[in-house]
Amino acid sequence: MAYVDLNPVRAAIAQTPEESDFTSIQQRIKALAGAKKAQQLQPAKILPFTGYKPHGKPGSGLPFKLFDYLNLVEYTGRCVREDKRGFIPPDIKPLFTRLNINEQDWLDVVKDFNRHFISAAGSPEKLSRWAEKTGRKWCATHQSLHLYSNLYTE
């Protein structure tokens, strides 16, 4: 799967996976970048990553974690191979930096989503509107997590 997702990069048609048209990784990155809630982290039209479960019944998705797969494709795409024309150039920033995602905070949120967002997730402004619309007096925010590094200044 990573081989197919990297075909446009290896053929020097695209520099990065997110520029690789008609690939599942491009669809996954677009879904991730546009996600408003945890259920939207992966596109609905392709098989989702569900993580590896060593015991019990296998899940209905791919037994790998989404972020692990994104990292695998990113690192593999950076490898220079003599038999391939293209690779992700060294001057291009890492994927999570390109998407303006603080990787560690994002992993913490995804891992403990319900602890951070009991009933809603979004920017403080959108959470405020949601609280007003649903008759709540307040709604906790996740601003301290710095998920999107370009949205918060310290």
Protein backbone atom coordinates (compact mmCIF):
# COMPACT_ATOMS: atom_id res chain seq x y z
CA MET A 1 0.00 0.00 0.00
CA ALA A 2 2.79 2.44 0.85
CA TYR A 3 4.43 1.47 -2.43
CA VAL A 4 1.32 2.53 -4.37
CA ASP A 5 0.88 5.70 -2.31
CA LEU A 6 4.48 6.68 -3.11
CA ASN A 7 4.28 5.98 -6.86
CA PRO A 8 3.78 9.66 -7.84
CA VAL A 9 6.71 10.70 -5.62
CA ARG A 10 8.98 7.93 -6.92
CA ALA A 11 8.05 8.81 -10.53
CA ALA A 12 8.92 12.48 -9.80
CA ILE A 13 5.34 13.54 -10.60
CA ALA A 14 4.79 14.90 -7.06
CA GLN A 15 7.21 16.04 -4.35
CA THR A 16 5.09 15.02 -1.36
CA PRO A 17 2.34 12.49 -0.56
CA GLU A 18 -0.27 15.24 -0.17
CA GLU A 19 0.49 16.38 -3.74
CA SER A 20 0.13 12.80 -5.05
CA ASP A 21 -3.17 12.91 -6.93
CA PHE A 22 -5.47 9.88 -6.96
CA THR A 23 -3.78 8.13 -4.01
CA SER A 24 -5.33 6.95 -0.77
CA ILE A 25 -2.69 8.80 1.23
CA GLN A 26 -3.73 12.11 -0.35
CA GLN A 27 -7.35 11.35 0.60
CA ARG A 28 -6.30 10.47 4.14
CA ILE A 29 -4.22 13.64 4.54
CA LYS A 30 -7.07 15.81 3.20
CA ALA A 31 -9.50 14.17 5.65
CA LEU A 32 -7.06 14.65 8.52
CA ALA A 33 -6.42 18.30 7.66
CA GLY A 34 -10.14 19.04 7.39
CA ALA A 35 -11.35 16.97 10.36
CA LYS A 36 -13.75 18.69 12.71
CA LYS A 37 -14.30 15.66 14.92
CA ALA A 38 -12.63 12.32 15.62
CA GLN A 39 -14.94 10.41 13.28
CA GLN A 40 -13.68 12.53 10.35
CA LEU A 41 -9.98 11.78 10.81
CA GLN A 42 -10.15 9.23 7.99
CA PRO A 43 -12.12 9.38 4.74
CA ALA A 44 -15.36 7.41 4.66
CA LYS A 45 -14.86 5.98 1.16
CA ILE A 46 -11.70 3.97 1.85
CA LEU A 47 -10.90 1.33 4.45
CA PRO A 48 -9.82 3.02 7.71
CA PHE A 49 -6.80 2.22 9.84
CA THR A 50 -8.04 0.62 13.04
CA GLY A 51 -4.79 -0.24 14.79
CA TYR A 52 -3.25 -3.61 15.53
CA LYS A 53 -5.13 -5.77 18.01
CA PRO A 54 -3.03 -8.81 19.01
CA HIS A 55 -5.92 -10.57 20.78
CA GLY A 56 -9.54 -11.05 19.90
CA LYS A 57 -11.48 -10.66 16.69
CA PRO A 58 -9.75 -8.68 13.94
CA GLY A 59 -11.30 -5.29 13.17
CA SER A 60 -12.96 -4.31 9.92
CA GLY A 61 -10.14 -1.94 8.98
CA LEU A 62 -6.42 -1.98 8.29
CA PRO A 63 -4.42 -3.27 11.28
CA PHE A 64 -2.15 -0.23 11.50
CA LYS A 65 -2.42 3.20 13.13
CA LEU A 66 -3.05 6.15 10.82
CA PHE A 67 -0.20 8.25 12.21
CA ASP A 68 2.21 5.33 12.03
CA TYR A 69 1.29 4.81 8.38
CA LEU A 70 1.71 8.52 7.57
CA ASN A 71 5.16 8.44 9.18
CA LEU A 72 6.06 5.23 7.33
CA VAL A 73 5.16 6.79 3.96
CA GLU A 74 6.94 10.04 4.83
CA TYR A 75 10.19 8.35 5.88
CA THR A 76 10.10 5.85 3.03
CA GLY A 77 9.49 8.65 0.55
CA ARG A 78 12.59 10.46 1.78
CA CYS A 79 14.84 7.50 0.98
CA VAL A 80 16.88 8.10 -2.16
CA ARG A 81 16.95 5.06 -4.41
CA GLU A 82 19.15 4.69 -7.47
CA ASP A 83 16.42 2.83 -9.35
CA LYS A 84 13.80 5.59 -8.82
CA ARG A 85 13.68 9.13 -10.20
CA GLY A 86 11.92 10.83 -7.29
CA PHE A 87 11.97 11.18 -3.52
CA ILE A 88 10.77 13.70 -0.95
CA PRO A 89 13.53 16.34 -0.99
CA PRO A 90 15.43 16.96 2.26
CA ASP A 91 14.54 20.67 2.28
CA ILE A 92 10.81 19.90 2.55
CA LYS A 93 9.60 20.02 6.15
CA PRO A 94 8.13 16.91 7.84
CA LEU A 95 4.49 16.07 7.13
CA PHE A 96 3.09 17.13 10.50
CA THR A 97 4.93 20.46 10.24
CA ARG A 98 3.56 20.97 6.71
CA LEU A 99 0.04 20.38 8.06
CA ASN A 100 0.69 22.67 11.06
CA ILE A 101 -0.05 19.85 13.48
CA ASN A 102 1.76 19.50 16.80
CA GLU A 103 2.33 15.74 16.56
CA GLN A 104 2.62 14.90 20.26
CA ASP A 105 -0.43 16.91 21.31
CA TRP A 106 -2.43 15.52 18.39
CA LEU A 107 -1.54 11.94 19.39
CA ASP A 108 -2.50 12.70 22.99
CA VAL A 109 -5.87 14.07 21.88
CA VAL A 110 -6.64 11.17 19.55
CA LYS A 111 -5.64 8.66 22.21
CA ASP A 112 -7.75 10.31 24.95
CA PHE A 113 -10.38 12.08 22.83
CA ASN A 114 -13.28 11.62 25.26
CA ARG A 115 -11.22 12.89 28.18
CA HIS A 116 -10.42 16.16 26.37
CA PHE A 117 -13.75 16.63 24.61
CA ILE A 118 -16.62 15.15 26.54
CA SER A 119 -19.24 16.26 24.03
CA ALA A 120 -17.70 18.61 21.42
CA ALA A 121 -14.42 19.64 19.83
CA GLY A 122 -13.36 22.73 17.89
CA SER A 123 -11.93 26.21 18.18
CA PRO A 124 -12.89 28.24 21.28
CA GLU A 125 -15.19 30.39 19.12
CA LYS A 126 -16.98 27.38 17.63
CA LEU A 127 -17.25 25.69 21.03
CA SER A 128 -18.82 28.86 22.41
CA ARG A 129 -21.38 28.93 19.58
CA TRP A 130 -22.05 25.23 20.07
CA ALA A 131 -22.62 25.73 23.82
CA GLU A 132 -25.02 28.59 23.12
CA LYS A 133 -26.87 26.62 20.43
CA THR A 134 -27.26 23.56 22.66
CA GLY A 135 -28.28 25.53 25.77
CA ARG A 136 -25.06 24.96 27.69
CA LYS A 137 -23.54 27.70 29.82
CA TRP A 138 -19.93 26.79 28.91
CA CYS A 139 -17.78 24.27 27.11
CA ALA A 140 -14.19 23.27 27.93
CA THR A 141 -11.56 24.16 25.35
CA HIS A 142 -8.38 22.43 24.26
CA GLN A 143 -6.37 25.62 23.66
CA SER A 144 -3.59 24.56 26.04
CA LEU A 145 -2.79 21.56 23.83
CA HIS A 146 -1.53 23.68 20.91
CA LEU A 147 -2.77 21.23 18.30
CA TYR A 148 -2.40 23.66 15.45
CA SER A 149 0.85 25.51 16.01
CA ASN A 150 0.00 28.33 13.60
CA LEU A 151 -3.26 29.21 15.37
CA TYR A 152 -1.85 29.91 18.82
CA THR A 153 0.86 32.31 19.82
CA GLU A 154 2.85 31.92 22.99
